[in-house]
Amino acid sequence: MRVLSLAYLLVALCGIHAAVVPQKDSKRNDRPIIGVLAQELKNPEPKRNSYIAASYVKTLEAAGARVIPVMVNRPEEEYRQLFKSINGILLPGGGANLLTSGYAKAAGVFYKLALEANSQGDYFPVWGTCLGFEQLLVITSGENLLCRTNTSGVSLPLEFTQDVTESRLFKDFPPELMTSLATENITVNFHKWSISMENFTKSEELKKFYKILSTNTDGNIEFISTMEAYDYPVYGTQWHPEKNAFEWSQTYYPHTPSAIKTTFYMADFFVNEAKKSLHSFASEEEAQKHLIYNHNPEFSGAIGSSFLQKYYFD
């Protein structure tokens, strides 16, 4: 995979950026509701069987979306009904079995529904961060092709590929932010598993489905760090955009101006994707029953968690 020179990247992006003409879309939903998938706790307690890190919720809310928690280990029919009401789903980072967990099973249902809907012209975006990124790869390929990398605590610049200049995800990013992403250590990697370029290129399913937008290396293995589907609004980052603005437990979490802008430009992109979805609840009252506002986040940073706050669920 050829990596772009910084000079070429800036010229290409500046040209694309200048060509963007805002258009009014009469079929735009300016009240998007995005589902965030919960995952099981490794050590559950009474009324604490699953959780969502609050940083994912804050990131989406900051970009103009409301959030509902998507609970794990629920009947498929419940997920199907929920799918008709929400405007996108985010598969967050964390730790869960990518084949057998409730997280994996729920993700598989929503992924299938999303592809079916988008194939019929019913727009529905999917985003995966870290664990969610890995989950998308497993679902798409039908197998686990991940390998171990030394990336469990480091921030890196992105090594953009030639495809980034025509990507949906990055095309409207300011050139100065693209420069920062390519030269500064502002993308947080907090994972032990990655999809190597070697393993990705061995999978016909992955090559046909995903466009590689950036890669990174742990010094030995080149792995994919950002991707988007060719024909569907499916996106993934192995890194954590949300941590730059909303997590503070590690000294390598970047909080520079460009790092903070990265959080919000990534969130703005996905929320705008969700605004293209016309799904809705039957009523505002019905929507309110599901919103994350019915739950209270708890401070979890003091117990050694990498998440400052969590929402806990039965």
C-alpha atoms as a PDB file:
ATOM      1  CA  MET A   1       0.000   0.000   0.000  1.00  0.00           C
ATOM      2  CA  ARG A   2       1.576   3.274  -1.114  1.00  0.00           C
ATOM      3  CA  VAL A   3       1.672   5.970   1.569  1.00  0.00           C
ATOM      4  CA  LEU A   4       1.164   9.535   0.423  1.00  0.00           C
ATOM      5  CA  SER A   5       3.868  12.140   0.784  1.00  0.00           C
ATOM      6  CA  LEU A   6       2.732  15.005   2.985  1.00  0.00           C
ATOM      7  CA  ALA A   7       3.087  17.515   0.152  1.00  0.00           C
ATOM      8  CA  TYR A   8       0.935  15.436  -2.203  1.00  0.00           C
ATOM      9  CA  LEU A   9      -1.606  14.873   0.540  1.00  0.00           C
ATOM     10  CA  LEU A  10      -2.007  18.595   1.184  1.00  0.00           C
ATOM     11  CA  VAL A  11      -2.358  19.455  -2.502  1.00  0.00           C
ATOM     12  CA  ALA A  12      -4.949  16.750  -3.048  1.00  0.00           C
ATOM     13  CA  LEU A  13      -6.923  17.576   0.052  1.00  0.00           C
ATOM     14  CA  CYS A  14      -6.885  21.295  -0.608  1.00  0.00           C
ATOM     15  CA  GLY A  15      -8.291  20.640  -4.055  1.00  0.00           C
ATOM     16  CA  ILE A  16     -11.045  18.405  -2.745  1.00  0.00           C
ATOM     17  CA  HIS A  17     -11.849  20.771   0.084  1.00  0.00           C
ATOM     18  CA  ALA A  18     -12.213  23.696  -2.285  1.00  0.00           C
ATOM     19  CA  ALA A  19     -14.517  21.714  -4.554  1.00  0.00           C
ATOM     20  CA  VAL A  20     -17.049  20.952  -1.837  1.00  0.00           C
ATOM     21  CA  VAL A  21     -20.256  22.901  -2.404  1.00  0.00           C
ATOM     22  CA  PRO A  22     -22.759  22.864   0.464  1.00  0.00           C
ATOM     23  CA  GLN A  23     -26.172  21.673  -0.686  1.00  0.00           C
ATOM     24  CA  LYS A  24     -29.464  21.765   1.104  1.00  0.00           C
ATOM     25  CA  ASP A  25     -30.894  18.283   1.570  1.00  0.00           C
ATOM     26  CA  SER A  26     -34.636  18.122   2.071  1.00  0.00           C
ATOM     27  CA  LYS A  27     -34.271  14.583   3.406  1.00  0.00           C
ATOM     28  CA  ARG A  28     -32.023  15.467   6.303  1.00  0.00           C
ATOM     29  CA  ASN A  29     -32.724  14.442   9.881  1.00  0.00           C
ATOM     30  CA  ASP A  30     -31.417  17.093  12.254  1.00  0.00           C
ATOM     31  CA  ARG A  31     -32.503  15.168  15.364  1.00  0.00           C
ATOM     32  CA  PRO A  32     -30.401  12.007  15.029  1.00  0.00           C
ATOM     33  CA  ILE A  33     -30.402   9.331  17.715  1.00  0.00           C
ATOM     34  CA  ILE A  34     -27.414   6.992  17.668  1.00  0.00           C
ATOM     35  CA  GLY A  35     -27.170   3.674  19.453  1.00  0.00           C
ATOM     36  CA  VAL A  36     -24.011   2.828  21.391  1.00  0.00           C
ATOM     37  CA  LEU A  37     -23.527  -0.871  22.028  1.00  0.00           C
ATOM     38  CA  ALA A  38     -22.914  -1.953  25.612  1.00  0.00           C
ATOM     39  CA  GLN A  39     -20.623  -4.841  26.547  1.00  0.00           C
ATOM     40  CA  GLU A  40     -20.421  -7.327  29.355  1.00  0.00           C
ATOM     41  CA  LEU A  41     -18.382  -6.596  32.462  1.00  0.00           C
ATOM     42  CA  LYS A  42     -15.669  -9.142  33.204  1.00  0.00           C
ATOM     43  CA  ASN A  43     -16.671  -9.130  36.874  1.00  0.00           C
ATOM     44  CA  PRO A  44     -20.420  -8.428  36.965  1.00  0.00           C
ATOM     45  CA  GLU A  45     -22.194  -7.371  40.121  1.00  0.00           C
ATOM     46  CA  PRO A  46     -25.894  -7.071  41.013  1.00  0.00           C
ATOM     47  CA  LYS A  47     -27.433  -4.565  38.573  1.00  0.00           C
ATOM     48  CA  ARG A  48     -24.025  -4.170  36.927  1.00  0.00           C
ATOM     49  CA  ASN A  49     -23.755  -6.691  34.138  1.00  0.00           C
ATOM     50  CA  SER A  50     -22.754  -4.413  31.255  1.00  0.00           C
ATOM     51  CA  TYR A  51     -21.460  -0.898  30.642  1.00  0.00           C
ATOM     52  CA  ILE A  52     -20.791   1.904  28.180  1.00  0.00           C
ATOM     53  CA  ALA A  53     -17.906   4.334  28.646  1.00  0.00           C
ATOM     54  CA  ALA A  54     -19.295   7.861  28.960  1.00  0.00           C
ATOM     55  CA  SER A  55     -16.657   9.319  26.621  1.00  0.00           C
ATOM     56  CA  TYR A  56     -18.421   7.774  23.613  1.00  0.00           C
ATOM     57  CA  VAL A  57     -21.704   9.331  24.663  1.00  0.00           C
ATOM     58  CA  LYS A  58     -20.142  12.750  25.248  1.00  0.00           C
ATOM     59  CA  THR A  59     -18.418  12.673  21.865  1.00  0.00           C
ATOM     60  CA  LEU A  60     -21.649  12.031  19.977  1.00  0.00           C
ATOM     61  CA  GLU A  61     -23.605  14.538  22.045  1.00  0.00           C
ATOM     62  CA  ALA A  62     -20.958  17.214  21.411  1.00  0.00           C
ATOM     63  CA  ALA A  63     -21.537  16.776  17.673  1.00  0.00           C
ATOM     64  CA  GLY A  64     -25.310  17.161  17.944  1.00  0.00           C
ATOM     65  CA  ALA A  65     -26.723  13.668  18.430  1.00  0.00           C
ATOM     66  CA  ARG A  66     -28.677  12.010  21.168  1.00  0.00           C
ATOM     67  CA  VAL A  67     -27.690   8.556  22.355  1.00  0.00           C
ATOM     68  CA  ILE A  68     -29.461   5.408  23.425  1.00  0.00           C
ATOM     69  CA  PRO A  69     -27.720   2.410  24.995  1.00  0.00           C
ATOM     70  CA  VAL A  70     -28.065  -0.808  23.020  1.00  0.00           C
ATOM     71  CA  MET A  71     -28.144  -3.565  25.609  1.00  0.00           C
ATOM     72  CA  VAL A  72     -26.449  -6.927  25.120  1.00  0.00           C
ATOM     73  CA  ASN A  73     -28.044 -10.371  25.315  1.00  0.00           C
ATOM     74  CA  ARG A  74     -31.439  -9.229  24.091  1.00  0.00           C
ATOM     75  CA  PRO A  75     -33.681 -11.076  21.595  1.00  0.00           C
ATOM     76  CA  GLU A  76     -32.918 -10.444  17.942  1.00  0.00           C
ATOM     77  CA  GLU A  77     -36.446  -9.153  17.396  1.00  0.00           C
ATOM     78  CA  GLU A  78     -35.790  -6.411  19.951  1.00  0.00           C
ATOM     79  CA  TYR A  79     -32.712  -5.351  17.977  1.00  0.00           C
ATOM     80  CA  ARG A  80     -34.713  -5.380  14.741  1.00  0.00           C
ATOM     81  CA  GLN A  81     -37.328  -3.068  16.220  1.00  0.00           C
ATOM     82  CA  LEU A  82     -34.671  -0.774  17.646  1.00  0.00           C
ATOM     83  CA  PHE A  83     -32.898  -0.651  14.296  1.00  0.00           C
ATOM     84  CA  LYS A  84     -36.003   0.900  12.742  1.00  0.00           C
ATOM     85  CA  SER A  85     -35.895   3.724  15.305  1.00  0.00           C
ATOM     86  CA  ILE A  86     -32.254   4.795  15.492  1.00  0.00           C
ATOM     87  CA  ASN A  87     -30.091   6.547  12.909  1.00  0.00           C
ATOM     88  CA  GLY A  88     -26.796   4.753  13.297  1.00  0.00           C
ATOM     89  CA  ILE A  89     -24.818   2.572  15.676  1.00  0.00           C
ATOM     90  CA  LEU A  90     -21.392   2.892  17.288  1.00  0.00           C
ATOM     91  CA  LEU A  91     -19.479  -0.207  18.353  1.00  0.00           C
ATOM     92  CA  PRO A  92     -17.128   1.093  21.071  1.00  0.00           C
ATOM     93  CA  GLY A  93     -13.768  -0.048  22.333  1.00  0.00           C
ATOM     94  CA  GLY A  94     -13.251  -2.192  25.410  1.00  0.00           C
ATOM     95  CA  GLY A  95     -12.774  -5.903  25.877  1.00  0.00           C
ATOM     96  CA  ALA A  96     -15.090  -8.672  24.698  1.00  0.00           C
ATOM     97  CA  ASN A  97     -14.880 -11.975  22.837  1.00  0.00           C
ATOM     98  CA  LEU A  98     -15.298 -11.190  19.148  1.00  0.00           C
ATOM     99  CA  LEU A  99     -17.048 -14.492  18.424  1.00  0.00           C
ATOM    100  CA  THR A 100     -19.150 -15.518  21.414  1.00  0.00           C
ATOM    101  CA  SER A 101     -19.946 -12.454  23.543  1.00  0.00           C
ATOM    102  CA  GLY A 102     -23.269 -10.647  23.685  1.00  0.00           C
ATOM    103  CA  TYR A 103     -21.399  -7.681  22.204  1.00  0.00           C
ATOM    104  CA  ALA A 104     -20.359  -9.760  19.186  1.00  0.00           C
ATOM    105  CA  LYS A 105     -23.823 -11.213  18.655  1.00  0.00           C
ATOM    106  CA  ALA A 106     -25.591  -7.844  18.847  1.00  0.00           C
ATOM    107  CA  ALA A 107     -22.994  -6.252  16.554  1.00  0.00           C
ATOM    108  CA  GLY A 108     -23.582  -9.019  14.033  1.00  0.00           C
ATOM    109  CA  VAL A 109     -27.323  -8.397  13.988  1.00  0.00           C
ATOM    110  CA  PHE A 110     -26.978  -4.641  13.453  1.00  0.00           C
ATOM    111  CA  TYR A 111     -24.268  -5.103  10.822  1.00  0.00           C
ATOM    112  CA  LYS A 112     -26.502  -7.455   8.843  1.00  0.00           C
ATOM    113  CA  LEU A 113     -29.502  -5.145   9.151  1.00  0.00           C
ATOM    114  CA  ALA A 114     -27.408  -2.150   8.113  1.00  0.00           C
ATOM    115  CA  LEU A 115     -26.130  -3.826   4.961  1.00  0.00           C
ATOM    116  CA  GLU A 116     -29.618  -5.003   4.029  1.00  0.00           C
ATOM    117  CA  ALA A 117     -31.075  -1.538   4.589  1.00  0.00           C
ATOM    118  CA  ASN A 118     -28.339   0.342   2.733  1.00  0.00           C
ATOM    119  CA  SER A 119     -28.646  -2.053  -0.212  1.00  0.00           C
ATOM    120  CA  GLN A 120     -32.289  -0.989  -0.475  1.00  0.00           C
ATOM    121  CA  GLY A 121     -31.544   2.744  -0.270  1.00  0.00           C
ATOM    122  CA  ASP A 122     -32.301   3.024   3.462  1.00  0.00           C
ATOM    123  CA  TYR A 123     -29.254   4.881   4.809  1.00  0.00           C
ATOM    124  CA  PHE A 124     -27.849   3.609   8.107  1.00  0.00           C
ATOM    125  CA  PRO A 125     -24.223   4.206   9.195  1.00  0.00           C
ATOM    126  CA  VAL A 126     -22.076   1.937  11.366  1.00  0.00           C
ATOM    127  CA  TRP A 127     -18.926   2.962  13.246  1.00  0.00           C
ATOM    128  CA  GLY A 128     -16.405   0.762  15.044  1.00  0.00           C
ATOM    129  CA  THR A 129     -13.698   2.037  17.399  1.00  0.00           C
ATOM    130  CA  CYS A 130     -10.842  -0.254  18.514  1.00  0.00           C
ATOM    131  CA  LEU A 131     -12.727  -3.368  19.675  1.00  0.00           C
ATOM    132  CA  GLY A 132     -15.555  -2.265  17.387  1.00  0.00           C
ATOM    133  CA  PHE A 133     -13.081  -1.914  14.508  1.00  0.00           C
ATOM    134  CA  GLU A 134     -11.858  -5.444  15.171  1.00  0.00           C
ATOM    135  CA  GLN A 135     -15.437  -6.687  15.424  1.00  0.00           C
ATOM    136  CA  LEU A 136     -16.248  -5.276  11.991  1.00  0.00           C
ATOM    137  CA  LEU A 137     -13.261  -7.103  10.521  1.00  0.00           C
ATOM    138  CA  VAL A 138     -14.313 -10.410  12.069  1.00  0.00           C
ATOM    139  CA  ILE A 139     -17.924 -10.058  10.915  1.00  0.00           C
ATOM    140  CA  THR A 140     -16.958  -9.041   7.377  1.00  0.00           C
ATOM    141  CA  SER A 141     -14.308 -11.702   6.862  1.00  0.00           C
ATOM    142  CA  GLY A 142     -16.093 -14.478   8.738  1.00  0.00           C
ATOM    143  CA  GLU A 143     -12.902 -15.299  10.641  1.00  0.00           C
ATOM    144  CA  ASN A 144     -10.476 -13.808  13.135  1.00  0.00           C
ATOM    145  CA  LEU A 145      -7.396 -12.618  11.240  1.00  0.00           C
ATOM    146  CA  LEU A 146      -6.029 -10.383  13.994  1.00  0.00           C
ATOM    147  CA  CYS A 147      -2.448 -10.636  15.195  1.00  0.00           C
ATOM    148  CA  ARG A 148      -0.657  -9.409  18.318  1.00  0.00           C
ATOM    149  CA  THR A 149       1.020  -6.006  18.139  1.00  0.00           C
ATOM    150  CA  ASN A 150       2.887  -3.887  20.651  1.00  0.00           C
ATOM    151  CA  THR A 151       0.295  -1.098  20.679  1.00  0.00           C
ATOM    152  CA  SER A 152      -1.340  -1.253  24.105  1.00  0.00           C
ATOM    153  CA  GLY A 153      -0.448   2.292  25.102  1.00  0.00           C
ATOM    154  CA  VAL A 154       0.904   4.734  22.533  1.00  0.00           C
ATOM    155  CA  SER A 155      -0.224   7.739  20.504  1.00  0.00           C
ATOM    156  CA  LEU A 156       0.869   7.896  16.873  1.00  0.00           C
ATOM    157  CA  PRO A 157       0.577   9.994  13.687  1.00  0.00           C
ATOM    158  CA  LEU A 158      -1.416   8.380  10.878  1.00  0.00           C
ATOM    159  CA  GLU A 159       0.328   7.116   7.756  1.00  0.00           C
ATOM    160  CA  PHE A 160      -2.249   8.030   5.135  1.00  0.00           C
ATOM    161  CA  THR A 161      -2.712   5.947   2.009  1.00  0.00           C
ATOM    162  CA  GLN A 162      -3.392   7.282  -1.475  1.00  0.00           C
ATOM    163  CA  ASP A 163      -7.098   6.505  -0.999  1.00  0.00           C
ATOM    164  CA  VAL A 164      -7.529   9.101   1.750  1.00  0.00           C
ATOM    165  CA  THR A 165      -7.879  11.961  -0.747  1.00  0.00           C
ATOM    166  CA  GLU A 166     -11.107  10.466  -2.092  1.00  0.00           C
ATOM    167  CA  SER A 167     -12.445   9.159   1.196  1.00  0.00           C
ATOM    168  CA  ARG A 168     -15.797  10.186   2.593  1.00  0.00           C
ATOM    169  CA  LEU A 169     -14.399  10.294   6.113  1.00  0.00           C
ATOM    170  CA  PHE A 170     -11.541  12.753   5.654  1.00  0.00           C
ATOM    171  CA  LYS A 171     -12.511  14.757   2.578  1.00  0.00           C
ATOM    172  CA  ASP A 172     -13.861  17.746   4.526  1.00  0.00           C
ATOM    173  CA  PHE A 173     -11.157  17.861   7.192  1.00  0.00           C
ATOM    174  CA  PRO A 174      -9.154  21.104   7.148  1.00  0.00           C
ATOM    175  CA  PRO A 175      -5.736  20.686   5.508  1.00  0.00           C
ATOM    176  CA  GLU A 176      -3.996  21.887   8.680  1.00  0.00           C
ATOM    177  CA  LEU A 177      -5.694  19.156  10.717  1.00  0.00           C
ATOM    178  CA  MET A 178      -4.707  16.538   8.143  1.00  0.00           C
ATOM    179  CA  THR A 179      -1.139  17.776   8.498  1.00  0.00           C
ATOM    180  CA  SER A 180      -1.367  17.370  12.275  1.00  0.00           C
ATOM    181  CA  LEU A 181      -2.806  13.876  11.927  1.00  0.00           C
ATOM    182  CA  ALA A 182       0.053  12.927   9.625  1.00  0.00           C
ATOM    183  CA  THR A 183       2.858  14.440  11.718  1.00  0.00           C
ATOM    184  CA  GLU A 184       1.798  14.557  15.380  1.00  0.00           C
ATOM    185  CA  ASN A 185       1.251  11.820  17.966  1.00  0.00           C
ATOM    186  CA  ILE A 186      -2.480  12.455  18.360  1.00  0.00           C
ATOM    187  CA  THR A 187      -4.195   9.122  17.642  1.00  0.00           C
ATOM    188  CA  VAL A 188      -4.464   6.967  20.763  1.00  0.00           C
ATOM    189  CA  ASN A 189      -3.728   3.257  20.361  1.00  0.00           C
ATOM    190  CA  PHE A 190      -4.866   1.095  23.254  1.00  0.00           C
ATOM    191  CA  HIS A 191      -5.036  -2.406  21.762  1.00  0.00           C
ATOM    192  CA  LYS A 192      -3.102  -5.673  21.778  1.00  0.00           C
ATOM    193  CA  TRP A 193      -4.604  -6.996  18.552  1.00  0.00           C
ATOM    194  CA  SER A 194      -4.483  -5.525  15.046  1.00  0.00           C
ATOM    195  CA  ILE A 195      -5.194  -6.464  11.449  1.00  0.00           C
ATOM    196  CA  SER A 196      -1.846  -6.548   9.689  1.00  0.00           C
ATOM    197  CA  MET A 197      -1.539  -5.466   6.082  1.00  0.00           C
ATOM    198  CA  GLU A 198      -0.374  -8.990   5.305  1.00  0.00           C
ATOM    199  CA  ASN A 199      -3.461 -10.642   6.799  1.00  0.00           C
ATOM    200  CA  PHE A 200      -5.829  -8.053   5.353  1.00  0.00           C
ATOM    201  CA  THR A 201      -4.565  -8.620   1.807  1.00  0.00           C
ATOM    202  CA  LYS A 202      -5.001 -12.388   2.214  1.00  0.00           C
ATOM    203  CA  SER A 203      -8.750 -11.932   2.734  1.00  0.00           C
ATOM    204  CA  GLU A 204     -10.768 -11.410  -0.432  1.00  0.00           C
ATOM    205  CA  GLU A 205     -13.780 -10.402   1.681  1.00  0.00           C
ATOM    206  CA  LEU A 206     -11.883  -7.605   3.425  1.00  0.00           C
ATOM    207  CA  LYS A 207     -10.176  -6.340   0.265  1.00  0.00           C
ATOM    208  CA  LYS A 208     -13.472  -6.107  -1.595  1.00  0.00           C
ATOM    209  CA  PHE A 209     -15.362  -4.455   1.242  1.00  0.00           C
ATOM    210  CA  TYR A 210     -12.974  -1.968   2.882  1.00  0.00           C
ATOM    211  CA  LYS A 211     -10.836   0.880   1.606  1.00  0.00           C
ATOM    212  CA  ILE A 212      -7.711   1.402   3.710  1.00  0.00           C
ATOM    213  CA  LEU A 213      -7.287   5.064   4.661  1.00  0.00           C
ATOM    214  CA  SER A 214      -4.324   4.865   7.043  1.00  0.00           C
ATOM    215  CA  THR A 215      -1.834   2.431   8.461  1.00  0.00           C
ATOM    216  CA  ASN A 216       0.621   2.383  11.354  1.00  0.00           C
ATOM    217  CA  THR A 217       3.407   0.184  12.631  1.00  0.00           C
ATOM    218  CA  ASP A 218       4.520  -1.027  16.034  1.00  0.00           C
ATOM    219  CA  GLY A 219       8.089  -1.168  14.708  1.00  0.00           C
ATOM    220  CA  ASN A 220       7.704  -4.654  13.287  1.00  0.00           C
ATOM    221  CA  ILE A 221       4.173  -5.104  11.954  1.00  0.00           C
ATOM    222  CA  GLU A 222       2.310  -2.713   9.671  1.00  0.00           C
ATOM    223  CA  PHE A 223      -1.351  -2.648  10.646  1.00  0.00           C
ATOM    224  CA  ILE A 224      -4.454  -0.869   9.414  1.00  0.00           C
ATOM    225  CA  SER A 225      -5.559   2.042  11.570  1.00  0.00           C
ATOM    226  CA  THR A 226      -8.449   3.653   9.631  1.00  0.00           C
ATOM    227  CA  MET A 227     -10.848   2.212   7.047  1.00  0.00           C
ATOM    228  CA  GLU A 228     -14.192   2.796   5.369  1.00  0.00           C
ATOM    229  CA  ALA A 229     -16.344   0.514   3.270  1.00  0.00           C
ATOM    230  CA  TYR A 230     -16.393   1.092  -0.481  1.00  0.00           C
ATOM    231  CA  ASP A 231     -20.135   0.798  -0.956  1.00  0.00           C
ATOM    232  CA  TYR A 232     -21.669   1.177   2.500  1.00  0.00           C
ATOM    233  CA  PRO A 233     -21.498   3.819   5.267  1.00  0.00           C
ATOM    234  CA  VAL A 234     -19.377   1.568   7.481  1.00  0.00           C
ATOM    235  CA  TYR A 235     -16.319   3.099   9.154  1.00  0.00           C
ATOM    236  CA  GLY A 236     -13.672   2.039  11.625  1.00  0.00           C
ATOM    237  CA  THR A 237     -10.646   3.283  13.530  1.00  0.00           C
ATOM    238  CA  GLN A 238      -8.282   1.062  15.448  1.00  0.00           C
ATOM    239  CA  TRP A 239      -7.433   4.218  17.415  1.00  0.00           C
ATOM    240  CA  HIS A 240      -9.632   6.170  19.847  1.00  0.00           C
ATOM    241  CA  PRO A 241     -10.906   9.594  18.689  1.00  0.00           C
ATOM    242  CA  GLU A 242     -12.985  10.042  21.862  1.00  0.00           C
ATOM    243  CA  LYS A 243     -10.093   9.833  24.317  1.00  0.00           C
ATOM    244  CA  ASN A 244      -8.426  13.068  23.180  1.00  0.00           C
ATOM    245  CA  ALA A 245     -11.206  15.235  24.575  1.00  0.00           C
ATOM    246  CA  PHE A 246     -12.788  13.139  27.309  1.00  0.00           C
ATOM    247  CA  GLU A 247     -10.322  10.711  28.906  1.00  0.00           C
ATOM    248  CA  TRP A 248      -7.470  11.675  31.251  1.00  0.00           C
ATOM    249  CA  SER A 249      -6.154   8.543  32.954  1.00  0.00           C
ATOM    250  CA  GLN A 250      -3.029   8.109  30.811  1.00  0.00           C
ATOM    251  CA  THR A 251      -0.258  10.628  30.195  1.00  0.00           C
ATOM    252  CA  TYR A 252      -0.009   9.637  26.514  1.00  0.00           C
ATOM    253  CA  TYR A 253      -3.601  10.706  25.831  1.00  0.00           C
ATOM    254  CA  PRO A 254      -3.056  13.885  23.763  1.00  0.00           C
ATOM    255  CA  HIS A 255      -4.947  17.069  24.637  1.00  0.00           C
ATOM    256  CA  THR A 256      -3.337  19.516  22.215  1.00  0.00           C
ATOM    257  CA  PRO A 257      -5.570  21.762  20.106  1.00  0.00           C
ATOM    258  CA  SER A 258      -5.179  19.519  17.057  1.00  0.00           C
ATOM    259  CA  ALA A 259      -5.931  16.427  19.146  1.00  0.00           C
ATOM    260  CA  ILE A 260      -9.144  17.969  20.461  1.00  0.00           C
ATOM    261  CA  LYS A 261     -10.152  19.046  16.952  1.00  0.00           C
ATOM    262  CA  THR A 262      -9.645  15.464  15.814  1.00  0.00           C
ATOM    263  CA  THR A 263     -12.207  14.237  18.343  1.00  0.00           C
ATOM    264  CA  PHE A 264     -14.821  16.674  17.151  1.00  0.00           C
ATOM    265  CA  TYR A 265     -14.198  16.392  13.408  1.00  0.00           C
ATOM    266  CA  MET A 266     -14.507  12.609  13.615  1.00  0.00           C
ATOM    267  CA  ALA A 267     -17.693  12.929  15.676  1.00  0.00           C
ATOM    268  CA  ASP A 268     -19.099  15.585  13.368  1.00  0.00           C
ATOM    269  CA  PHE A 269     -18.566  13.316  10.391  1.00  0.00           C
ATOM    270  CA  PHE A 270     -20.380  10.344  11.909  1.00  0.00           C
ATOM    271  CA  VAL A 271     -23.254  12.407  13.286  1.00  0.00           C
ATOM    272  CA  ASN A 272     -23.729  13.947   9.841  1.00  0.00           C
ATOM    273  CA  GLU A 273     -23.837  10.442   8.420  1.00  0.00           C
ATOM    274  CA  ALA A 274     -26.570   9.629  10.957  1.00  0.00           C
ATOM    275  CA  LYS A 275     -28.517  12.691   9.824  1.00  0.00           C
ATOM    276  CA  LYS A 276     -28.958  10.970   6.451  1.00  0.00           C
ATOM    277  CA  SER A 277     -30.987   8.230   8.149  1.00  0.00           C
ATOM    278  CA  LEU A 278     -34.734   8.781   8.327  1.00  0.00           C
ATOM    279  CA  HIS A 279     -35.456   6.103  10.926  1.00  0.00           C
ATOM    280  CA  SER A 280     -37.458   7.358  13.904  1.00  0.00           C
ATOM    281  CA  PHE A 281     -39.282   6.289  17.021  1.00  0.00           C
ATOM    282  CA  ALA A 282     -43.068   6.241  16.892  1.00  0.00           C
ATOM    283  CA  SER A 283     -43.143   9.349  19.096  1.00  0.00           C
ATOM    284  CA  GLU A 284     -40.886  11.648  21.093  1.00  0.00           C
ATOM    285  CA  GLU A 285     -42.275  10.073  24.257  1.00  0.00           C
ATOM    286  CA  GLU A 286     -41.191   6.645  23.036  1.00  0.00           C
ATOM    287  CA  ALA A 287     -37.723   7.940  22.191  1.00  0.00           C
ATOM    288  CA  GLN A 288     -37.338   9.440  25.649  1.00  0.00           C
ATOM    289  CA  LYS A 289     -37.915   6.047  27.254  1.00  0.00           C
ATOM    290  CA  HIS A 290     -34.777   4.738  25.562  1.00  0.00           C
ATOM    291  CA  LEU A 291     -32.391   7.698  25.833  1.00  0.00           C
ATOM    292  CA  ILE A 292     -29.185   7.514  27.840  1.00  0.00           C
ATOM    293  CA  TYR A 293     -30.541  10.356  29.987  1.00  0.00           C
ATOM    294  CA  ASN A 294     -32.488   7.708  31.915  1.00  0.00           C
ATOM    295  CA  HIS A 295     -29.163   6.482  33.318  1.00  0.00           C
ATOM    296  CA  ASN A 296     -26.478   8.237  35.344  1.00  0.00           C
ATOM    297  CA  PRO A 297     -22.759   7.905  34.612  1.00  0.00           C
ATOM    298  CA  GLU A 298     -20.549   6.996  37.539  1.00  0.00           C
ATOM    299  CA  PHE A 299     -16.986   8.037  38.221  1.00  0.00           C
ATOM    300  CA  SER A 300     -14.828   4.982  37.491  1.00  0.00           C
ATOM    301  CA  GLY A 301     -11.364   6.515  37.149  1.00  0.00           C
ATOM    302  CA  ALA A 302     -10.536   5.992  40.820  1.00  0.00           C
ATOM    303  CA  ILE A 303     -10.691   2.187  40.518  1.00  0.00           C
ATOM    304  CA  GLY A 304      -7.996   1.971  37.871  1.00  0.00           C
ATOM    305  CA  SER A 305     -10.307   1.993  34.859  1.00  0.00           C
ATOM    306  CA  SER A 306      -9.101   3.528  31.609  1.00  0.00           C
ATOM    307  CA  PHE A 307     -12.532   5.186  31.443  1.00  0.00           C
ATOM    308  CA  LEU A 308     -13.169   8.255  33.562  1.00  0.00           C
ATOM    309  CA  GLN A 309     -16.917   7.561  33.717  1.00  0.00           C
ATOM    310  CA  LYS A 310     -19.150   4.601  32.910  1.00  0.00           C
ATOM    311  CA  TYR A 311     -22.816   3.901  32.545  1.00  0.00           C
ATOM    312  CA  TYR A 312     -23.740   0.587  34.167  1.00  0.00           C
ATOM    313  CA  PHE A 313     -26.727  -1.558  33.200  1.00  0.00           C
ATOM    314  CA  ASP A 314     -28.550  -4.606  34.568  1.00  0.00           C
END
